[in-house]
Amino acid sequence: MILVNTDYISGKNLEMLGLVKGSTVQSKNIGKDISQSFKTLVGGELKAYNDMMSEARALATKRMAEEAESLGADAIVNIRYASSAIMQGAAEIIAYGTAVKFV
C-alpha cells in the first residue's frame, strides 16, 4: 500500500475509489498524567504525550489502510491527519485520504 499526502503518484494513472479513514481515541494512565502535569511546571517536552500521539497516529493510519485494502485499493492519496482533545489527557486522532487503484 502506497501512502502519500499529494493528490497524485508520479507515473501512475489513478482511479478514485473513495474516502477512507481511520481513527482512535488514546489516553495515558493516571500515573503518566500526573507526572506530565508536573512537567508543565518546569517546561520541556511531554514525552509520554508525544509517545501517545505517535501511537495514535500509527493506529489511525493502520485502520485507514485496512479500510482502503478492503476496497481493493493500491494506494491512498491526499492523506491528512486531524486531532482533537476529548478530555484532559485523551485525544482523538483521525487519518483520512482517498483510496485509489492503479489503471
N, C-alpha and C. Protein backbone atom coordinates (compact mmCIF):
# COMPACT_ATOMS: atom_id res chain seq x y z
N MET A 1 0.86 -1.18 0.00
CA MET A 1 0.00 0.00 0.00
C MET A 1 0.90 1.23 0.00
N ILE A 2 0.69 2.10 -0.97
CA ILE A 2 1.43 3.36 -1.05
C ILE A 2 0.59 4.43 -0.36
N LEU A 3 1.22 5.19 0.52
CA LEU A 3 0.55 6.27 1.25
C LEU A 3 1.27 7.56 0.95
N VAL A 4 0.55 8.55 0.40
CA VAL A 4 1.16 9.85 0.08
C VAL A 4 0.22 10.98 0.48
N ASN A 5 0.81 12.16 0.71
CA ASN A 5 -0.03 13.31 1.04
C ASN A 5 -0.23 14.23 -0.15
N THR A 6 0.16 13.78 -1.34
CA THR A 6 -0.11 14.51 -2.58
C THR A 6 -1.36 13.93 -3.22
N ASP A 7 -1.91 14.63 -4.21
CA ASP A 7 -3.11 14.10 -4.86
C ASP A 7 -2.78 13.30 -6.12
N TYR A 8 -1.52 12.91 -6.27
CA TYR A 8 -1.09 12.11 -7.42
C TYR A 8 0.09 11.24 -7.00
N ILE A 9 0.38 10.25 -7.82
CA ILE A 9 1.59 9.43 -7.67
C ILE A 9 2.27 9.45 -9.03
N SER A 10 3.47 9.95 -9.08
CA SER A 10 4.18 10.13 -10.35
C SER A 10 4.20 8.83 -11.16
N GLY A 11 3.85 8.95 -12.43
CA GLY A 11 3.89 7.82 -13.34
C GLY A 11 2.72 6.87 -13.24
N LYS A 12 1.74 7.18 -12.42
CA LYS A 12 0.58 6.29 -12.24
C LYS A 12 -0.70 7.01 -12.64
N ASN A 13 -1.56 6.30 -13.35
CA ASN A 13 -2.92 6.77 -13.60
C ASN A 13 -3.80 6.19 -12.51
N LEU A 14 -4.62 7.04 -11.91
CA LEU A 14 -5.37 6.62 -10.73
C LEU A 14 -6.87 6.61 -10.97
N GLU A 15 -7.52 5.59 -10.46
CA GLU A 15 -8.98 5.52 -10.41
C GLU A 15 -9.37 5.74 -8.96
N MET A 16 -10.17 6.75 -8.71
CA MET A 16 -10.58 7.07 -7.34
C MET A 16 -11.62 6.06 -6.86
N LEU A 17 -11.41 5.52 -5.68
CA LEU A 17 -12.35 4.57 -5.10
C LEU A 17 -13.21 5.21 -4.02
N GLY A 18 -12.70 6.24 -3.38
CA GLY A 18 -13.49 6.92 -2.36
C GLY A 18 -12.69 7.26 -1.11
N LEU A 19 -13.36 7.97 -0.22
CA LEU A 19 -12.76 8.40 1.03
C LEU A 19 -12.58 7.21 1.96
N VAL A 20 -11.42 7.15 2.60
CA VAL A 20 -11.17 6.15 3.63
C VAL A 20 -10.65 6.88 4.87
N LYS A 21 -10.93 6.31 6.03
CA LYS A 21 -10.49 6.96 7.26
C LYS A 21 -10.23 5.91 8.33
N GLY A 22 -9.47 6.33 9.31
CA GLY A 22 -9.21 5.51 10.48
C GLY A 22 -9.07 6.45 11.65
N SER A 23 -9.54 6.02 12.80
CA SER A 23 -9.44 6.90 13.97
C SER A 23 -9.23 6.09 15.23
N THR A 24 -8.81 6.78 16.26
CA THR A 24 -8.66 6.19 17.58
C THR A 24 -8.72 7.30 18.62
N VAL A 25 -9.11 6.93 19.82
CA VAL A 25 -9.04 7.83 20.97
C VAL A 25 -8.06 7.20 21.93
N GLN A 26 -7.05 7.96 22.32
CA GLN A 26 -5.99 7.44 23.17
C GLN A 26 -5.88 8.27 24.44
N SER A 27 -5.46 7.62 25.52
CA SER A 27 -5.17 8.33 26.77
C SER A 27 -4.02 7.62 27.47
N LYS A 28 -3.40 8.31 28.37
CA LYS A 28 -2.36 7.73 29.21
C LYS A 28 -2.96 7.41 30.57
N ASN A 29 -2.31 6.50 31.29
CA ASN A 29 -2.82 6.15 32.62
C ASN A 29 -2.63 7.31 33.59
N ILE A 30 -3.29 7.23 34.72
CA ILE A 30 -3.30 8.34 35.67
C ILE A 30 -1.90 8.67 36.17
N GLY A 31 -1.05 7.66 36.34
CA GLY A 31 0.32 7.91 36.78
C GLY A 31 1.09 8.77 35.79
N LYS A 32 0.98 8.45 34.51
CA LYS A 32 1.64 9.25 33.47
C LYS A 32 1.04 10.64 33.40
N ASP A 33 -0.27 10.72 33.57
CA ASP A 33 -0.95 12.02 33.51
C ASP A 33 -0.44 12.94 34.62
N ILE A 34 -0.30 12.40 35.81
CA ILE A 34 0.18 13.21 36.94
C ILE A 34 1.63 13.64 36.72
N SER A 35 2.47 12.69 36.27
CA SER A 35 3.89 13.05 36.05
C SER A 35 4.04 14.09 34.95
N GLN A 36 3.20 14.03 33.93
CA GLN A 36 3.27 15.01 32.85
C GLN A 36 2.77 16.38 33.30
N SER A 37 1.81 16.42 34.22
CA SER A 37 1.34 17.72 34.69
C SER A 37 2.42 18.40 35.53
N PHE A 38 3.25 17.64 36.25
CA PHE A 38 4.39 18.25 36.94
C PHE A 38 5.39 18.82 35.95
N LYS A 39 5.55 18.15 34.81
CA LYS A 39 6.49 18.61 33.79
C LYS A 39 6.09 19.98 33.25
N THR A 40 4.81 20.29 33.24
CA THR A 40 4.36 21.60 32.74
C THR A 40 4.84 22.73 33.63
N LEU A 41 5.18 22.43 34.88
CA LEU A 41 5.67 23.47 35.79
C LEU A 41 7.07 23.95 35.42
N VAL A 42 7.90 23.04 34.91
CA VAL A 42 9.29 23.40 34.58
C VAL A 42 9.51 23.55 33.09
N GLY A 43 8.57 23.10 32.29
CA GLY A 43 8.69 23.22 30.84
C GLY A 43 9.43 22.04 30.24
N GLY A 44 9.38 21.97 28.92
CA GLY A 44 10.04 20.89 28.20
C GLY A 44 9.05 19.98 27.51
N GLU A 45 9.60 19.02 26.82
CA GLU A 45 8.77 18.08 26.05
C GLU A 45 8.01 17.14 26.97
N LEU A 46 6.75 16.92 26.66
CA LEU A 46 5.92 15.97 27.39
C LEU A 46 6.02 14.63 26.67
N LYS A 47 7.08 13.89 26.96
CA LYS A 47 7.41 12.68 26.21
C LYS A 47 6.28 11.64 26.23
N ALA A 48 5.64 11.45 27.37
CA ALA A 48 4.56 10.45 27.44
C ALA A 48 3.42 10.81 26.49
N TYR A 49 3.08 12.11 26.40
CA TYR A 49 2.02 12.53 25.48
C TYR A 49 2.50 12.46 24.04
N ASN A 50 3.75 12.77 23.80
CA ASN A 50 4.31 12.65 22.46
C ASN A 50 4.24 11.20 21.99
N ASP A 51 4.64 10.28 22.87
CA ASP A 51 4.55 8.85 22.54
C ASP A 51 3.11 8.43 22.30
N MET A 52 2.19 8.93 23.14
CA MET A 52 0.78 8.60 22.98
C MET A 52 0.26 9.04 21.61
N MET A 53 0.62 10.26 21.20
CA MET A 53 0.14 10.77 19.92
C MET A 53 0.76 10.01 18.75
N SER A 54 2.03 9.62 18.86
CA SER A 54 2.67 8.84 17.81
C SER A 54 1.99 7.48 17.66
N GLU A 55 1.69 6.84 18.78
CA GLU A 55 0.98 5.56 18.75
C GLU A 55 -0.40 5.72 18.13
N ALA A 56 -1.07 6.80 18.48
CA ALA A 56 -2.42 7.05 17.97
C ALA A 56 -2.39 7.28 16.46
N ARG A 57 -1.42 8.07 15.97
CA ARG A 57 -1.31 8.31 14.52
C ARG A 57 -1.05 7.01 13.78
N ALA A 58 -0.16 6.17 14.34
CA ALA A 58 0.15 4.89 13.70
C ALA A 58 -1.08 3.99 13.63
N LEU A 59 -1.85 3.93 14.70
CA LEU A 59 -3.05 3.10 14.72
C LEU A 59 -4.11 3.64 13.77
N ALA A 60 -4.31 4.95 13.74
CA ALA A 60 -5.29 5.55 12.83
C ALA A 60 -4.88 5.30 11.37
N THR A 61 -3.59 5.41 11.08
CA THR A 61 -3.09 5.15 9.73
C THR A 61 -3.31 3.69 9.34
N LYS A 62 -3.03 2.78 10.26
CA LYS A 62 -3.24 1.35 10.00
C LYS A 62 -4.70 1.07 9.70
N ARG A 63 -5.60 1.64 10.48
CA ARG A 63 -7.03 1.41 10.27
C ARG A 63 -7.49 1.99 8.93
N MET A 64 -6.95 3.16 8.56
CA MET A 64 -7.28 3.75 7.27
C MET A 64 -6.81 2.84 6.13
N ALA A 65 -5.59 2.33 6.24
CA ALA A 65 -5.04 1.44 5.20
C ALA A 65 -5.86 0.15 5.10
N GLU A 66 -6.30 -0.38 6.23
CA GLU A 66 -7.14 -1.59 6.21
C GLU A 66 -8.45 -1.33 5.48
N GLU A 67 -9.04 -0.17 5.70
CA GLU A 67 -10.29 0.17 5.01
C GLU A 67 -10.04 0.27 3.51
N ALA A 68 -8.90 0.88 3.12
CA ALA A 68 -8.56 1.00 1.70
C ALA A 68 -8.34 -0.37 1.08
N GLU A 69 -7.65 -1.26 1.80
CA GLU A 69 -7.42 -2.61 1.29
C GLU A 69 -8.72 -3.36 1.07
N SER A 70 -9.70 -3.13 1.93
CA SER A 70 -11.00 -3.80 1.78
C SER A 70 -11.73 -3.34 0.52
N LEU A 71 -11.35 -2.15 0.01
CA LEU A 71 -11.93 -1.64 -1.25
C LEU A 71 -11.12 -2.09 -2.47
N GLY A 72 -10.00 -2.77 -2.23
CA GLY A 72 -9.14 -3.20 -3.33
C GLY A 72 -8.18 -2.11 -3.79
N ALA A 73 -7.89 -1.15 -2.94
CA ALA A 73 -7.02 -0.02 -3.31
C ALA A 73 -5.56 -0.45 -3.38
N ASP A 74 -4.83 0.25 -4.25
CA ASP A 74 -3.38 0.08 -4.34
C ASP A 74 -2.64 1.15 -3.55
N ALA A 75 -3.32 2.27 -3.28
CA ALA A 75 -2.68 3.39 -2.61
C ALA A 75 -3.74 4.29 -1.98
N ILE A 76 -3.26 5.20 -1.13
CA ILE A 76 -4.11 6.25 -0.58
C ILE A 76 -3.39 7.56 -0.85
N VAL A 77 -4.09 8.48 -1.48
CA VAL A 77 -3.52 9.79 -1.80
C VAL A 77 -4.18 10.87 -0.95
N ASN A 78 -3.51 12.01 -0.90
CA ASN A 78 -4.04 13.18 -0.21
C ASN A 78 -4.35 12.90 1.26
N ILE A 79 -3.44 12.18 1.93
CA ILE A 79 -3.65 11.81 3.33
C ILE A 79 -3.52 13.04 4.22
N ARG A 80 -4.42 13.13 5.17
CA ARG A 80 -4.42 14.21 6.14
C ARG A 80 -4.67 13.63 7.53
N TYR A 81 -4.24 14.36 8.54
CA TYR A 81 -4.46 13.98 9.93
C TYR A 81 -5.14 15.14 10.65
N ALA A 82 -5.98 14.80 11.60
CA ALA A 82 -6.60 15.81 12.45
C ALA A 82 -6.66 15.23 13.86
N SER A 83 -6.62 16.11 14.83
CA SER A 83 -6.73 15.66 16.21
C SER A 83 -7.61 16.62 16.99
N SER A 84 -8.18 16.10 18.05
CA SER A 84 -8.96 16.94 18.94
C SER A 84 -8.88 16.37 20.35
N ALA A 85 -8.93 17.25 21.32
CA ALA A 85 -8.92 16.83 22.71
C ALA A 85 -10.32 16.36 23.08
N ILE A 86 -10.41 15.19 23.65
CA ILE A 86 -11.69 14.66 24.10
C ILE A 86 -11.91 15.06 25.56
N MET A 87 -10.84 14.96 26.34
CA MET A 87 -10.81 15.37 27.73
C MET A 87 -9.34 15.55 28.10
N GLN A 88 -9.05 16.04 29.27
CA GLN A 88 -7.65 16.22 29.65
C GLN A 88 -6.94 14.87 29.63
N GLY A 89 -5.85 14.81 28.87
CA GLY A 89 -5.07 13.58 28.81
C GLY A 89 -5.55 12.59 27.77
N ALA A 90 -6.58 12.90 27.00
CA ALA A 90 -7.09 11.99 25.97
C ALA A 90 -7.32 12.78 24.68
N ALA A 91 -6.99 12.15 23.57
CA ALA A 91 -7.14 12.82 22.29
C ALA A 91 -7.64 11.84 21.24
N GLU A 92 -8.41 12.37 20.31
CA GLU A 92 -8.83 11.60 19.14
C GLU A 92 -7.93 11.99 17.98
N ILE A 93 -7.49 11.00 17.25
CA ILE A 93 -6.72 11.21 16.02
C ILE A 93 -7.51 10.57 14.89
N ILE A 94 -7.65 11.28 13.79
CA ILE A 94 -8.26 10.71 12.59
C ILE A 94 -7.30 10.90 11.43
N ALA A 95 -7.15 9.84 10.67
CA ALA A 95 -6.37 9.88 9.43
C ALA A 95 -7.36 9.64 8.30
N TYR A 96 -7.27 10.44 7.23
CA TYR A 96 -8.19 10.26 6.12
C TYR A 96 -7.52 10.58 4.80
N GLY A 97 -8.02 10.00 3.75
CA GLY A 97 -7.47 10.21 2.43
C GLY A 97 -8.37 9.59 1.38
N THR A 98 -7.88 9.57 0.14
CA THR A 98 -8.65 9.00 -0.96
C THR A 98 -8.01 7.69 -1.39
N ALA A 99 -8.77 6.63 -1.34
CA ALA A 99 -8.29 5.32 -1.80
C ALA A 99 -8.31 5.32 -3.34
N VAL A 100 -7.23 4.81 -3.94
CA VAL A 100 -7.13 4.77 -5.39
C VAL A 100 -6.63 3.41 -5.85
N LYS A 101 -6.95 3.10 -7.09
CA LYS A 101 -6.48 1.89 -7.76
C LYS A 101 -5.70 2.32 -8.98
N PHE A 102 -4.60 1.61 -9.27
CA PHE A 102 -3.81 1.92 -10.46
C PHE A 102 -4.51 1.37 -11.70
N VAL A 103 -4.57 2.19 -12.75
CA VAL A 103 -5.16 1.74 -14.03
C VAL A 103 -4.11 1.70 -15.11
